[in-house]
Structures are given as C-alpha cells and as structure tokens.
C-alpha cells in the first residue's frame, strides 16, 4: 500500500510538472515569437484596397516584431482560395490570413466546396476594418437621388440594370437587399470584379453599381461617378457629403464588408493574443487610421478574439438567409 501511494504521488507530480512545462512553453511561444518570417495570405490580387490594407499591416507588424511579414496573394473563388490555402498551412504561428467577410460569411453558402469550414478551420483573431458600400450612377443619369431612382425603377420594372462584382458577392446581395426594402425591380448584370463592373457603368452599358466605397471613391472624387447613397446608418467620414440609405427613408439599413485577421485552427493561443495586441496598437495609431481613410476603410476593432468569433457566427447566419432568399448560388 505504501509503495502504491509513493507511485501515485510520483505520477501526480509528473502530471503537474507536465502542465507547468506546457504552460511555460505556451508563454514562451508568445514571448519569443516570431523567430522567422511570417506569411500573411490574402485572397485578392495585388493593387486592390484589401491588398493595400494587408501590406500596411505587414509593414507595421514587421517593425514591431523584428521579422519580415510576407504578403502572399492567392486570388480566386471570390477570395476563398487565399482562405483555403491558409487553412492547409501548419498551425505553428507563422501563417496568418487577412480575409474579407465574403470568403468567411457568404462564399460557403454560395459555392459547393470552398475548401474550409469558416467555423472550425481558423482561429479568429480580430476584425480590422469595415467597408461601407456606395450606390453610384453616371453624372448624366436621370435620377439624382435614391428616392428619384426608386420612383424611376418602380415606373419601369426590370428595365434599369445594375452591375455587381459577381453572383453571390456583397455587391450583388446588398443590392438585392435594397430592392427588397424599396420595392425596386432591377436587372442584375454580374461581372468578374470591381474594375469590369465599374468600367461598364462608366461606359453607359449598365445603369448603376453598389460596390465598396473604397473602389468607387476615386471615381466619385473625380466626379466621373455620382453617389446616390452609402450603406450606413450614419454618414461616413470617408464621404461626408453622401447621404445614407437610412436617412433617405429606410432606417437600420447598415450593411457592408469587414476585414479580419485569422490563423489556422490550432495556432498557439499565445501567438493569437500577441497578434491581437499588436493589431490594436497598429490600428490605433493616428497615422494608420488616416491611411485607412484614404483607402476607403473605417477602422473597427474587436474587443477580443472571442468577440470576433461571435460576430462572425452572427454574420454567417445573416448572409446565409440572404443567399437563400435571393437564390444566389454559383453555377
């Protein structure tokens, strides 16, 4: 019996020692990390506003961590190729992902197989920015306000056209939501990205588009496109003269896209926390905030990784309902 008690005591000590060692290693993972370059994956091509945000974050992270942060563009499948690539990487703390809300909240409802599970394939870290959308037309378009557009569209259902950046994208679904709110019936013309849809609105081939303000801002500032509304409850500092959908008769219409940071599921919690803390420091820098405004993005940070995960779950459910109601499935 005495021998048994000694063995039990030794076993208990061993377990305690193992837990202490694991805890120490986890703490060290955060304190010593990173010890080599970190790759930041992105599902969009170089030169896009999302790419510019990624490169700004990478530059700021590198300064603070003392290691290079390499932005790796993997465009395709509406941004989901970058997410799928990051999900397959080792969860060793050296892979990060900057994703828009589309690949996480919309694409899994639209495409049959995106190559990951939004809820289980990633460790959510934090939201970084929010992108409002702008409804724009050519300056010579006969409707000069949202209310005038609604009246015009109602008088000729299906005649007016709108361009989107593709079936099941934010620009498609947000316009579908606006039509449901206002009673308009418009004809959808999907394109492969903002540059194509914007070009055909400018060329007069399509009447309007509802795309990110970041994409439309240069055309608005040069007066080549005229904004009728932004998708916010209150006016945005990015374009303070542009009225919101809400103030033009449709309260609570606030919808857009967010950007957020992720790591592969299983990444050490200490690393996740360090990236979270660094992101808070970076995005609260006044110079960085001003730069985000020039990129058409509003800084919006999560209170914690857990709060970001909860927001994602709600966003996923909301967009799932919109996709189901609109039938926006990829063929």
C-alpha atoms as a PDB file:
ATOM      1  CA  UNK A   1       0.000   0.000   0.000  1.00  0.00           C
ATOM      2  CA  UNK A   2       2.824   2.365   0.901  1.00  0.00           C
ATOM      3  CA  UNK A   3       4.539   1.637  -2.445  1.00  0.00           C
ATOM      4  CA  UNK A   4       1.274   2.319  -4.270  1.00  0.00           C
ATOM      5  CA  UNK A   5       0.943   5.700  -2.518  1.00  0.00           C
ATOM      6  CA  UNK A   6       4.508   6.631  -3.489  1.00  0.00           C
ATOM      7  CA  UNK A   7       3.852   5.711  -7.129  1.00  0.00           C
ATOM      8  CA  UNK A   8       0.602   7.702  -7.123  1.00  0.00           C
ATOM      9  CA  UNK A   9       2.382  10.702  -5.639  1.00  0.00           C
ATOM     10  CA  UNK A  10       5.134  10.476  -8.254  1.00  0.00           C
ATOM     11  CA  UNK A  11       2.529  10.249 -11.029  1.00  0.00           C
ATOM     12  CA  UNK A  12       0.711  13.300  -9.689  1.00  0.00           C
ATOM     13  CA  UNK A  13       3.962  15.254  -9.540  1.00  0.00           C
ATOM     14  CA  UNK A  14       4.708  14.226 -13.115  1.00  0.00           C
ATOM     15  CA  UNK A  15       1.320  15.495 -14.327  1.00  0.00           C
ATOM     16  CA  UNK A  16       1.772  18.811 -12.509  1.00  0.00           C
ATOM     17  CA  UNK A  17       5.248  19.170 -13.971  1.00  0.00           C
ATOM     18  CA  UNK A  18       3.940  18.423 -17.466  1.00  0.00           C
ATOM     19  CA  UNK A  19       1.201  21.034 -17.131  1.00  0.00           C
ATOM     20  CA  UNK A  20       3.677  23.587 -15.822  1.00  0.00           C
ATOM     21  CA  UNK A  21       6.063  22.847 -18.686  1.00  0.00           C
ATOM     22  CA  UNK A  22       3.282  23.130 -21.272  1.00  0.00           C
ATOM     23  CA  UNK A  23       2.143  26.418 -19.762  1.00  0.00           C
ATOM     24  CA  UNK A  24       5.691  27.747 -19.800  1.00  0.00           C
ATOM     25  CA  UNK A  25       6.139  26.687 -23.426  1.00  0.00           C
ATOM     26  CA  UNK A  26       2.870  28.382 -24.374  1.00  0.00           C
ATOM     27  CA  UNK A  27       4.005  31.581 -22.685  1.00  0.00           C
ATOM     28  CA  UNK A  28       7.372  31.332 -24.406  1.00  0.00           C
ATOM     29  CA  UNK A  29       5.599  30.873 -27.751  1.00  0.00           C
ATOM     30  CA  UNK A  30       4.148  34.345 -27.341  1.00  0.00           C
ATOM     31  CA  UNK A  31       7.221  35.953 -25.806  1.00  0.00           C
ATOM     32  CA  UNK A  32       9.745  34.567 -28.298  1.00  0.00           C
ATOM     33  CA  UNK A  33       7.521  34.571 -31.380  1.00  0.00           C
ATOM     34  CA  UNK A  34       8.237  35.224 -34.186  1.00  0.00           C
ATOM     35  CA  UNK A  35      11.709  33.848 -34.750  1.00  0.00           C
ATOM     36  CA  UNK A  36      11.432  33.745 -38.556  1.00  0.00           C
ATOM     37  CA  UNK A  37       9.348  35.364 -41.334  1.00  0.00           C
ATOM     38  CA  UNK A  38       5.546  35.253 -41.082  1.00  0.00           C
ATOM     39  CA  UNK A  39       3.368  34.768 -44.172  1.00  0.00           C
ATOM     40  CA  UNK A  40       0.163  36.798 -44.430  1.00  0.00           C
ATOM     41  CA  UNK A  41      -2.190  35.223 -47.000  1.00  0.00           C
ATOM     42  CA  UNK A  42      -4.746  37.224 -48.928  1.00  0.00           C
ATOM     43  CA  UNK A  43      -7.467  36.059 -51.317  1.00  0.00           C
ATOM     44  CA  UNK A  44      -7.370  39.137 -53.547  1.00  0.00           C
ATOM     45  CA  UNK A  45      -4.949  40.384 -56.226  1.00  0.00           C
ATOM     46  CA  UNK A  46      -2.210  42.999 -55.814  1.00  0.00           C
ATOM     47  CA  UNK A  47      -3.310  46.610 -56.104  1.00  0.00           C
ATOM     48  CA  UNK A  48      -6.773  46.152 -54.599  1.00  0.00           C
ATOM     49  CA  UNK A  49      -7.783  48.100 -51.496  1.00  0.00           C
ATOM     50  CA  UNK A  50      -7.691  44.866 -49.465  1.00  0.00           C
ATOM     51  CA  UNK A  51      -4.158  44.205 -50.697  1.00  0.00           C
ATOM     52  CA  UNK A  52      -3.116  47.701 -49.629  1.00  0.00           C
ATOM     53  CA  UNK A  53      -4.513  47.115 -46.145  1.00  0.00           C
ATOM     54  CA  UNK A  54      -2.633  43.792 -45.950  1.00  0.00           C
ATOM     55  CA  UNK A  55       0.648  45.413 -46.971  1.00  0.00           C
ATOM     56  CA  UNK A  56       0.204  48.232 -44.486  1.00  0.00           C
ATOM     57  CA  UNK A  57      -0.434  45.708 -41.710  1.00  0.00           C
ATOM     58  CA  UNK A  58       2.513  43.594 -42.830  1.00  0.00           C
ATOM     59  CA  UNK A  59       4.833  46.589 -42.742  1.00  0.00           C
ATOM     60  CA  UNK A  60       3.661  47.638 -39.282  1.00  0.00           C
ATOM     61  CA  UNK A  61       3.831  44.093 -37.889  1.00  0.00           C
ATOM     62  CA  UNK A  62       7.349  43.669 -39.235  1.00  0.00           C
ATOM     63  CA  UNK A  63       8.514  46.839 -37.473  1.00  0.00           C
ATOM     64  CA  UNK A  64       7.137  45.668 -34.154  1.00  0.00           C
ATOM     65  CA  UNK A  65       8.130  42.003 -34.388  1.00  0.00           C
ATOM     66  CA  UNK A  66      11.565  42.395 -35.925  1.00  0.00           C
ATOM     67  CA  UNK A  67      10.819  39.782 -38.596  1.00  0.00           C
ATOM     68  CA  UNK A  68       9.642  40.090 -42.217  1.00  0.00           C
ATOM     69  CA  UNK A  69       5.917  39.678 -42.867  1.00  0.00           C
ATOM     70  CA  UNK A  70       5.420  38.409 -46.412  1.00  0.00           C
ATOM     71  CA  UNK A  71       2.080  39.167 -48.096  1.00  0.00           C
ATOM     72  CA  UNK A  72       1.104  36.231 -50.313  1.00  0.00           C
ATOM     73  CA  UNK A  73      -1.703  36.945 -52.795  1.00  0.00           C
ATOM     74  CA  UNK A  74      -3.886  33.947 -53.699  1.00  0.00           C
ATOM     75  CA  UNK A  75      -6.805  35.432 -55.668  1.00  0.00           C
ATOM     76  CA  UNK A  76      -9.673  33.288 -56.865  1.00  0.00           C
ATOM     77  CA  UNK A  77     -13.116  31.897 -55.972  1.00  0.00           C
ATOM     78  CA  UNK A  78     -14.293  35.228 -54.600  1.00  0.00           C
ATOM     79  CA  UNK A  79     -11.397  35.429 -52.141  1.00  0.00           C
ATOM     80  CA  UNK A  80     -11.792  31.866 -50.906  1.00  0.00           C
ATOM     81  CA  UNK A  81      -8.610  30.499 -52.497  1.00  0.00           C
ATOM     82  CA  UNK A  82      -6.473  32.517 -50.087  1.00  0.00           C
ATOM     83  CA  UNK A  83      -8.504  31.280 -47.121  1.00  0.00           C
ATOM     84  CA  UNK A  84      -8.331  27.663 -48.302  1.00  0.00           C
ATOM     85  CA  UNK A  85      -4.559  27.937 -48.730  1.00  0.00           C
ATOM     86  CA  UNK A  86      -4.066  29.394 -45.251  1.00  0.00           C
ATOM     87  CA  UNK A  87      -6.302  26.726 -43.701  1.00  0.00           C
ATOM     88  CA  UNK A  88      -3.985  23.988 -45.016  1.00  0.00           C
ATOM     89  CA  UNK A  89      -0.828  25.524 -43.539  1.00  0.00           C
ATOM     90  CA  UNK A  90       0.771  24.289 -40.285  1.00  0.00           C
ATOM     91  CA  UNK A  91      -0.696  25.840 -37.141  1.00  0.00           C
ATOM     92  CA  UNK A  92       2.755  26.884 -35.933  1.00  0.00           C
ATOM     93  CA  UNK A  93       2.120  30.618 -35.698  1.00  0.00           C
ATOM     94  CA  UNK A  94       3.845  31.507 -38.960  1.00  0.00           C
ATOM     95  CA  UNK A  95       0.721  31.672 -41.117  1.00  0.00           C
ATOM     96  CA  UNK A  96      -1.825  34.481 -40.922  1.00  0.00           C
ATOM     97  CA  UNK A  97      -4.786  35.322 -43.142  1.00  0.00           C
ATOM     98  CA  UNK A  98      -6.405  38.669 -43.863  1.00  0.00           C
ATOM     99  CA  UNK A  99      -9.878  37.825 -45.119  1.00  0.00           C
ATOM    100  CA  UNK A 100     -12.863  39.873 -46.166  1.00  0.00           C
ATOM    101  CA  UNK A 101     -16.278  38.885 -44.873  1.00  0.00           C
ATOM    102  CA  UNK A 102     -17.243  37.346 -48.222  1.00  0.00           C
ATOM    103  CA  UNK A 103     -14.975  34.280 -48.031  1.00  0.00           C
ATOM    104  CA  UNK A 104     -15.990  33.652 -44.411  1.00  0.00           C
ATOM    105  CA  UNK A 105     -19.678  34.560 -44.269  1.00  0.00           C
ATOM    106  CA  UNK A 106     -21.017  34.400 -47.844  1.00  0.00           C
ATOM    107  CA  UNK A 107     -18.987  32.073 -50.065  1.00  0.00           C
ATOM    108  CA  UNK A 108     -19.638  28.905 -48.013  1.00  0.00           C
ATOM    109  CA  UNK A 109     -23.348  29.442 -48.757  1.00  0.00           C
ATOM    110  CA  UNK A 110     -22.760  30.196 -52.456  1.00  0.00           C
ATOM    111  CA  UNK A 111     -20.141  27.624 -53.537  1.00  0.00           C
ATOM    112  CA  UNK A 112     -20.439  23.871 -53.138  1.00  0.00           C
ATOM    113  CA  UNK A 113     -16.947  23.456 -51.676  1.00  0.00           C
ATOM    114  CA  UNK A 114     -14.696  26.334 -50.661  1.00  0.00           C
ATOM    115  CA  UNK A 115     -12.064  24.044 -49.132  1.00  0.00           C
ATOM    116  CA  UNK A 116     -12.526  25.047 -45.493  1.00  0.00           C
ATOM    117  CA  UNK A 117     -15.085  25.423 -42.732  1.00  0.00           C
ATOM    118  CA  UNK A 118     -15.404  29.026 -41.553  1.00  0.00           C
ATOM    119  CA  UNK A 119     -16.320  27.888 -38.040  1.00  0.00           C
ATOM    120  CA  UNK A 120     -13.611  25.260 -37.465  1.00  0.00           C
ATOM    121  CA  UNK A 121     -10.705  25.786 -39.882  1.00  0.00           C
ATOM    122  CA  UNK A 122      -9.439  29.034 -38.359  1.00  0.00           C
ATOM    123  CA  UNK A 123      -8.553  30.752 -35.121  1.00  0.00           C
ATOM    124  CA  UNK A 124     -10.257  34.169 -35.393  1.00  0.00           C
ATOM    125  CA  UNK A 125      -8.018  36.987 -34.136  1.00  0.00           C
ATOM    126  CA  UNK A 126      -9.688  40.362 -34.714  1.00  0.00           C
ATOM    127  CA  UNK A 127     -11.676  42.472 -37.093  1.00  0.00           C
ATOM    128  CA  UNK A 128      -9.552  45.275 -38.537  1.00  0.00           C
ATOM    129  CA  UNK A 129     -11.751  47.438 -40.752  1.00  0.00           C
ATOM    130  CA  UNK A 130     -15.259  47.887 -42.120  1.00  0.00           C
ATOM    131  CA  UNK A 131     -16.033  48.907 -45.684  1.00  0.00           C
ATOM    132  CA  UNK A 132     -19.275  50.743 -46.464  1.00  0.00           C
ATOM    133  CA  UNK A 133     -20.800  50.356 -49.917  1.00  0.00           C
ATOM    134  CA  UNK A 134     -21.773  53.173 -52.282  1.00  0.00           C
ATOM    135  CA  UNK A 135     -24.608  53.161 -54.823  1.00  0.00           C
ATOM    136  CA  UNK A 136     -23.272  55.077 -57.836  1.00  0.00           C
ATOM    137  CA  UNK A 137     -24.512  56.150 -61.260  1.00  0.00           C
ATOM    138  CA  UNK A 138     -23.108  58.288 -64.064  1.00  0.00           C
ATOM    139  CA  UNK A 139     -23.477  62.056 -63.575  1.00  0.00           C
ATOM    140  CA  UNK A 140     -25.838  62.236 -66.584  1.00  0.00           C
ATOM    141  CA  UNK A 141     -28.184  59.573 -65.179  1.00  0.00           C
ATOM    142  CA  UNK A 142     -31.727  60.922 -64.864  1.00  0.00           C
ATOM    143  CA  UNK A 143     -32.159  60.025 -61.163  1.00  0.00           C
ATOM    144  CA  UNK A 144     -30.151  62.297 -58.839  1.00  0.00           C
ATOM    145  CA  UNK A 145     -31.148  60.756 -55.502  1.00  0.00           C
ATOM    146  CA  UNK A 146     -32.148  57.394 -54.089  1.00  0.00           C
ATOM    147  CA  UNK A 147     -35.801  58.425 -53.932  1.00  0.00           C
ATOM    148  CA  UNK A 148     -35.728  59.506 -57.591  1.00  0.00           C
ATOM    149  CA  UNK A 149     -34.125  56.182 -58.509  1.00  0.00           C
ATOM    150  CA  UNK A 150     -36.814  54.255 -56.634  1.00  0.00           C
ATOM    151  CA  UNK A 151     -39.578  56.170 -58.413  1.00  0.00           C
ATOM    152  CA  UNK A 152     -37.925  55.623 -61.797  1.00  0.00           C
ATOM    153  CA  UNK A 153     -37.361  51.907 -61.198  1.00  0.00           C
ATOM    154  CA  UNK A 154     -40.917  51.355 -59.976  1.00  0.00           C
ATOM    155  CA  UNK A 155     -42.279  53.024 -63.119  1.00  0.00           C
ATOM    156  CA  UNK A 156     -40.448  50.558 -65.372  1.00  0.00           C
ATOM    157  CA  UNK A 157     -39.808  47.278 -63.506  1.00  0.00           C
ATOM    158  CA  UNK A 158     -36.819  45.317 -64.762  1.00  0.00           C
ATOM    159  CA  UNK A 159     -35.685  47.937 -67.275  1.00  0.00           C
ATOM    160  CA  UNK A 160     -32.894  49.507 -65.224  1.00  0.00           C
ATOM    161  CA  UNK A 161     -29.716  47.439 -64.808  1.00  0.00           C
ATOM    162  CA  UNK A 162     -27.121  47.134 -62.080  1.00  0.00           C
ATOM    163  CA  UNK A 163     -23.623  45.706 -62.219  1.00  0.00           C
ATOM    164  CA  UNK A 164     -22.192  43.526 -59.466  1.00  0.00           C
ATOM    165  CA  UNK A 165     -18.755  42.051 -58.896  1.00  0.00           C
ATOM    166  CA  UNK A 166     -20.204  38.556 -59.356  1.00  0.00           C
ATOM    167  CA  UNK A 167     -23.044  36.254 -58.357  1.00  0.00           C
ATOM    168  CA  UNK A 168     -23.220  35.899 -54.586  1.00  0.00           C
ATOM    169  CA  UNK A 169     -20.803  38.750 -53.855  1.00  0.00           C
ATOM    170  CA  UNK A 170     -21.543  41.542 -51.385  1.00  0.00           C
ATOM    171  CA  UNK A 171     -22.368  43.953 -54.211  1.00  0.00           C
ATOM    172  CA  UNK A 172     -24.952  41.519 -55.608  1.00  0.00           C
ATOM    173  CA  UNK A 173     -26.541  40.676 -52.270  1.00  0.00           C
ATOM    174  CA  UNK A 174     -26.572  44.231 -50.883  1.00  0.00           C
ATOM    175  CA  UNK A 175     -28.393  45.438 -53.998  1.00  0.00           C
ATOM    176  CA  UNK A 176     -30.820  42.530 -53.618  1.00  0.00           C
ATOM    177  CA  UNK A 177     -31.451  43.657 -50.034  1.00  0.00           C
ATOM    178  CA  UNK A 178     -32.024  47.239 -51.194  1.00  0.00           C
ATOM    179  CA  UNK A 179     -34.517  46.093 -53.829  1.00  0.00           C
ATOM    180  CA  UNK A 180     -36.425  44.117 -51.208  1.00  0.00           C
ATOM    181  CA  UNK A 181     -36.509  47.181 -48.926  1.00  0.00           C
ATOM    182  CA  UNK A 182     -37.586  49.659 -51.605  1.00  0.00           C
ATOM    183  CA  UNK A 183     -39.787  47.652 -53.943  1.00  0.00           C
ATOM    184  CA  UNK A 184     -37.496  48.197 -56.923  1.00  0.00           C
ATOM    185  CA  UNK A 185     -37.045  45.518 -59.583  1.00  0.00           C
ATOM    186  CA  UNK A 186     -33.691  45.822 -61.359  1.00  0.00           C
ATOM    187  CA  UNK A 187     -31.918  43.542 -63.823  1.00  0.00           C
ATOM    188  CA  UNK A 188     -28.698  42.033 -62.462  1.00  0.00           C
ATOM    189  CA  UNK A 189     -25.578  42.034 -64.663  1.00  0.00           C
ATOM    190  CA  UNK A 190     -22.736  40.148 -62.900  1.00  0.00           C
ATOM    191  CA  UNK A 191     -19.068  40.823 -63.697  1.00  0.00           C
ATOM    192  CA  UNK A 192     -15.759  39.384 -62.542  1.00  0.00           C
ATOM    193  CA  UNK A 193     -14.603  42.085 -60.164  1.00  0.00           C
ATOM    194  CA  UNK A 194     -14.906  45.796 -59.498  1.00  0.00           C
ATOM    195  CA  UNK A 195     -12.804  47.053 -62.402  1.00  0.00           C
ATOM    196  CA  UNK A 196     -15.047  45.413 -65.018  1.00  0.00           C
ATOM    197  CA  UNK A 197     -18.330  46.399 -63.397  1.00  0.00           C
ATOM    198  CA  UNK A 198     -17.171  49.963 -62.858  1.00  0.00           C
ATOM    199  CA  UNK A 199     -15.922  50.268 -66.445  1.00  0.00           C
ATOM    200  CA  UNK A 200     -19.311  49.294 -67.862  1.00  0.00           C
ATOM    201  CA  UNK A 201     -21.140  51.774 -65.636  1.00  0.00           C
ATOM    202  CA  UNK A 202     -18.738  54.496 -66.797  1.00  0.00           C
ATOM    203  CA  UNK A 203     -19.245  53.381 -70.401  1.00  0.00           C
ATOM    204  CA  UNK A 204     -23.020  53.530 -70.162  1.00  0.00           C
ATOM    205  CA  UNK A 205     -23.566  49.808 -70.681  1.00  0.00           C
ATOM    206  CA  UNK A 206     -25.070  49.381 -67.199  1.00  0.00           C
ATOM    207  CA  UNK A 207     -27.022  51.938 -65.184  1.00  0.00           C
ATOM    208  CA  UNK A 208     -25.519  51.604 -61.724  1.00  0.00           C
ATOM    209  CA  UNK A 209     -23.486  49.549 -59.263  1.00  0.00           C
ATOM    210  CA  UNK A 210     -23.395  49.117 -55.478  1.00  0.00           C
ATOM    211  CA  UNK A 211     -19.746  48.451 -54.649  1.00  0.00           C
ATOM    212  CA  UNK A 212     -17.330  49.242 -51.842  1.00  0.00           C
ATOM    213  CA  UNK A 213     -16.774  52.928 -51.270  1.00  0.00           C
ATOM    214  CA  UNK A 214     -13.070  52.096 -51.412  1.00  0.00           C
ATOM    215  CA  UNK A 215     -13.478  51.005 -55.043  1.00  0.00           C
ATOM    216  CA  UNK A 216     -15.710  53.911 -56.050  1.00  0.00           C
ATOM    217  CA  UNK A 217     -14.060  56.768 -54.126  1.00  0.00           C
ATOM    218  CA  UNK A 218     -11.546  57.783 -56.842  1.00  0.00           C
ATOM    219  CA  UNK A 219     -14.347  57.965 -59.432  1.00  0.00           C
ATOM    220  CA  UNK A 220     -16.550  59.913 -57.004  1.00  0.00           C
ATOM    221  CA  UNK A 221     -13.768  62.373 -56.187  1.00  0.00           C
ATOM    222  CA  UNK A 222     -13.046  62.930 -59.885  1.00  0.00           C
ATOM    223  CA  UNK A 223     -16.824  63.348 -60.472  1.00  0.00           C
ATOM    224  CA  UNK A 224     -16.891  60.586 -63.069  1.00  0.00           C
ATOM    225  CA  UNK A 225     -19.460  58.755 -60.947  1.00  0.00           C
ATOM    226  CA  UNK A 226     -22.215  60.238 -58.795  1.00  0.00           C
ATOM    227  CA  UNK A 227     -23.065  58.631 -55.434  1.00  0.00           C
ATOM    228  CA  UNK A 228     -26.731  58.327 -54.511  1.00  0.00           C
ATOM    229  CA  UNK A 229     -26.267  56.675 -51.116  1.00  0.00           C
ATOM    230  CA  UNK A 230     -23.917  54.809 -48.796  1.00  0.00           C
ATOM    231  CA  UNK A 231     -24.893  51.686 -46.876  1.00  0.00           C
ATOM    232  CA  UNK A 232     -24.540  53.107 -43.363  1.00  0.00           C
ATOM    233  CA  UNK A 233     -26.801  54.178 -40.558  1.00  0.00           C
ATOM    234  CA  UNK A 234     -24.823  57.421 -40.269  1.00  0.00           C
ATOM    235  CA  UNK A 235     -22.750  59.294 -42.810  1.00  0.00           C
ATOM    236  CA  UNK A 236     -19.184  58.135 -43.201  1.00  0.00           C
ATOM    237  CA  UNK A 237     -16.129  60.327 -42.715  1.00  0.00           C
ATOM    238  CA  UNK A 238     -14.848  58.807 -45.946  1.00  0.00           C
ATOM    239  CA  UNK A 239     -17.513  60.722 -47.913  1.00  0.00           C
ATOM    240  CA  UNK A 240     -19.379  63.018 -45.510  1.00  0.00           C
ATOM    241  CA  UNK A 241     -21.451  64.723 -48.234  1.00  0.00           C
ATOM    242  CA  UNK A 242     -23.039  61.475 -49.419  1.00  0.00           C
ATOM    243  CA  UNK A 243     -26.402  60.685 -47.773  1.00  0.00           C
ATOM    244  CA  UNK A 244     -27.064  57.267 -46.300  1.00  0.00           C
ATOM    245  CA  UNK A 245     -29.742  54.807 -47.356  1.00  0.00           C
ATOM    246  CA  UNK A 246     -31.102  55.079 -43.810  1.00  0.00           C
ATOM    247  CA  UNK A 247     -31.610  58.843 -43.876  1.00  0.00           C
ATOM    248  CA  UNK A 248     -33.428  58.586 -47.209  1.00  0.00           C
ATOM    249  CA  UNK A 249     -36.330  56.684 -45.746  1.00  0.00           C
ATOM    250  CA  UNK A 250     -35.003  53.225 -44.875  1.00  0.00           C
ATOM    251  CA  UNK A 251     -33.884  53.122 -41.211  1.00  0.00           C
ATOM    252  CA  UNK A 252     -31.492  50.438 -39.969  1.00  0.00           C
ATOM    253  CA  UNK A 253     -30.066  49.790 -43.432  1.00  0.00           C
ATOM    254  CA  UNK A 254     -26.417  49.352 -42.477  1.00  0.00           C
ATOM    255  CA  UNK A 255     -24.583  46.630 -44.332  1.00  0.00           C
ATOM    256  CA  UNK A 256     -21.092  46.325 -45.747  1.00  0.00           C
ATOM    257  CA  UNK A 257     -17.976  44.199 -45.663  1.00  0.00           C
ATOM    258  CA  UNK A 258     -15.373  43.694 -42.978  1.00  0.00           C
ATOM    259  CA  UNK A 259     -11.745  42.642 -42.996  1.00  0.00           C
ATOM    260  CA  UNK A 260     -10.318  40.455 -40.271  1.00  0.00           C
ATOM    261  CA  UNK A 261      -7.218  38.531 -39.249  1.00  0.00           C
ATOM    262  CA  UNK A 262      -7.134  34.766 -38.780  1.00  0.00           C
ATOM    263  CA  UNK A 263      -4.655  31.952 -38.166  1.00  0.00           C
ATOM    264  CA  UNK A 264      -5.049  28.239 -38.922  1.00  0.00           C
ATOM    265  CA  UNK A 265      -7.037  26.385 -36.254  1.00  0.00           C
ATOM    266  CA  UNK A 266      -4.745  25.096 -33.516  1.00  0.00           C
ATOM    267  CA  UNK A 267      -2.334  28.038 -33.639  1.00  0.00           C
ATOM    268  CA  UNK A 268      -0.945  28.616 -30.109  1.00  0.00           C
ATOM    269  CA  UNK A 269      -3.216  30.918 -28.128  1.00  0.00           C
ATOM    270  CA  UNK A 270      -0.227  32.999 -27.037  1.00  0.00           C
ATOM    271  CA  UNK A 271       0.504  33.792 -30.694  1.00  0.00           C
ATOM    272  CA  UNK A 272      -3.140  34.669 -31.365  1.00  0.00           C
ATOM    273  CA  UNK A 273      -3.101  37.032 -28.378  1.00  0.00           C
ATOM    274  CA  UNK A 274       0.141  38.658 -29.474  1.00  0.00           C
ATOM    275  CA  UNK A 275      -1.198  39.288 -32.987  1.00  0.00           C
ATOM    276  CA  UNK A 276      -4.397  40.664 -31.444  1.00  0.00           C
ATOM    277  CA  UNK A 277      -2.464  43.032 -29.162  1.00  0.00           C
ATOM    278  CA  UNK A 278      -0.179  44.188 -31.970  1.00  0.00           C
ATOM    279  CA  UNK A 279      -3.140  44.846 -34.255  1.00  0.00           C
ATOM    280  CA  UNK A 280      -4.748  47.003 -31.572  1.00  0.00           C
ATOM    281  CA  UNK A 281      -1.549  49.045 -31.314  1.00  0.00           C
ATOM    282  CA  UNK A 282      -1.194  49.406 -35.077  1.00  0.00           C
ATOM    283  CA  UNK A 283      -4.795  50.329 -35.832  1.00  0.00           C
ATOM    284  CA  UNK A 284      -4.988  52.871 -33.007  1.00  0.00           C
ATOM    285  CA  UNK A 285      -2.015  54.771 -34.426  1.00  0.00           C
ATOM    286  CA  UNK A 286      -3.437  58.092 -35.769  1.00  0.00           C
ATOM    287  CA  UNK A 287      -1.252  57.914 -38.887  1.00  0.00           C
ATOM    288  CA  UNK A 288      -2.504  54.404 -39.678  1.00  0.00           C
ATOM    289  CA  UNK A 289      -6.122  55.448 -39.108  1.00  0.00           C
ATOM    290  CA  UNK A 290      -5.684  58.333 -41.528  1.00  0.00           C
ATOM    291  CA  UNK A 291      -4.154  55.991 -44.087  1.00  0.00           C
ATOM    292  CA  UNK A 292      -7.145  53.673 -43.745  1.00  0.00           C
ATOM    293  CA  UNK A 293      -9.445  56.586 -44.575  1.00  0.00           C
ATOM    294  CA  UNK A 294      -7.524  57.211 -47.795  1.00  0.00           C
ATOM    295  CA  UNK A 295      -8.030  53.507 -48.613  1.00  0.00           C
ATOM    296  CA  UNK A 296     -11.785  53.824 -48.115  1.00  0.00           C
ATOM    297  CA  UNK A 297     -11.875  51.781 -44.911  1.00  0.00           C
ATOM    298  CA  UNK A 298     -13.118  52.543 -41.412  1.00  0.00           C
ATOM    299  CA  UNK A 299     -11.113  51.117 -38.514  1.00  0.00           C
ATOM    300  CA  UNK A 300     -13.260  48.737 -36.467  1.00  0.00           C
ATOM    301  CA  UNK A 301     -11.555  46.507 -33.930  1.00  0.00           C
ATOM    302  CA  UNK A 302     -12.872  43.543 -31.972  1.00  0.00           C
ATOM    303  CA  UNK A 303     -12.767  43.642 -28.187  1.00  0.00           C
ATOM    304  CA  UNK A 304     -11.227  40.159 -28.124  1.00  0.00           C
ATOM    305  CA  UNK A 305     -10.707  37.120 -30.368  1.00  0.00           C
ATOM    306  CA  UNK A 306     -13.782  35.590 -28.731  1.00  0.00           C
ATOM    307  CA  UNK A 307     -15.887  38.658 -29.570  1.00  0.00           C
ATOM    308  CA  UNK A 308     -14.701  38.468 -33.177  1.00  0.00           C
ATOM    309  CA  UNK A 309     -15.683  34.791 -33.360  1.00  0.00           C
ATOM    310  CA  UNK A 310     -19.156  35.610 -32.012  1.00  0.00           C
ATOM    311  CA  UNK A 311     -19.611  38.412 -34.551  1.00  0.00           C
ATOM    312  CA  UNK A 312     -18.580  36.032 -37.324  1.00  0.00           C
ATOM    313  CA  UNK A 313     -21.184  33.469 -36.287  1.00  0.00           C
ATOM    314  CA  UNK A 314     -23.933  36.106 -36.454  1.00  0.00           C
ATOM    315  CA  UNK A 315     -22.659  37.425 -39.791  1.00  0.00           C
ATOM    316  CA  UNK A 316     -22.509  33.908 -41.250  1.00  0.00           C
ATOM    317  CA  UNK A 317     -26.113  33.229 -40.247  1.00  0.00           C
ATOM    318  CA  UNK A 318     -27.350  36.582 -41.584  1.00  0.00           C
ATOM    319  CA  UNK A 319     -25.751  36.165 -45.015  1.00  0.00           C
ATOM    320  CA  UNK A 320     -26.930  32.562 -45.186  1.00  0.00           C
ATOM    321  CA  UNK A 321     -30.523  33.802 -45.012  1.00  0.00           C
ATOM    322  CA  UNK A 322     -29.868  36.437 -47.695  1.00  0.00           C
ATOM    323  CA  UNK A 323     -28.308  33.866 -50.050  1.00  0.00           C
ATOM    324  CA  UNK A 324     -31.245  31.516 -49.506  1.00  0.00           C
ATOM    325  CA  UNK A 325     -33.792  34.271 -50.164  1.00  0.00           C
ATOM    326  CA  UNK A 326     -32.051  35.514 -53.322  1.00  0.00           C
ATOM    327  CA  UNK A 327     -31.083  32.088 -54.684  1.00  0.00           C
ATOM    328  CA  UNK A 328     -27.551  33.380 -55.261  1.00  0.00           C
ATOM    329  CA  UNK A 329     -25.829  30.048 -55.843  1.00  0.00           C
ATOM    330  CA  UNK A 330     -22.762  29.546 -58.033  1.00  0.00           C
ATOM    331  CA  UNK A 331     -23.494  27.503 -61.136  1.00  0.00           C
END
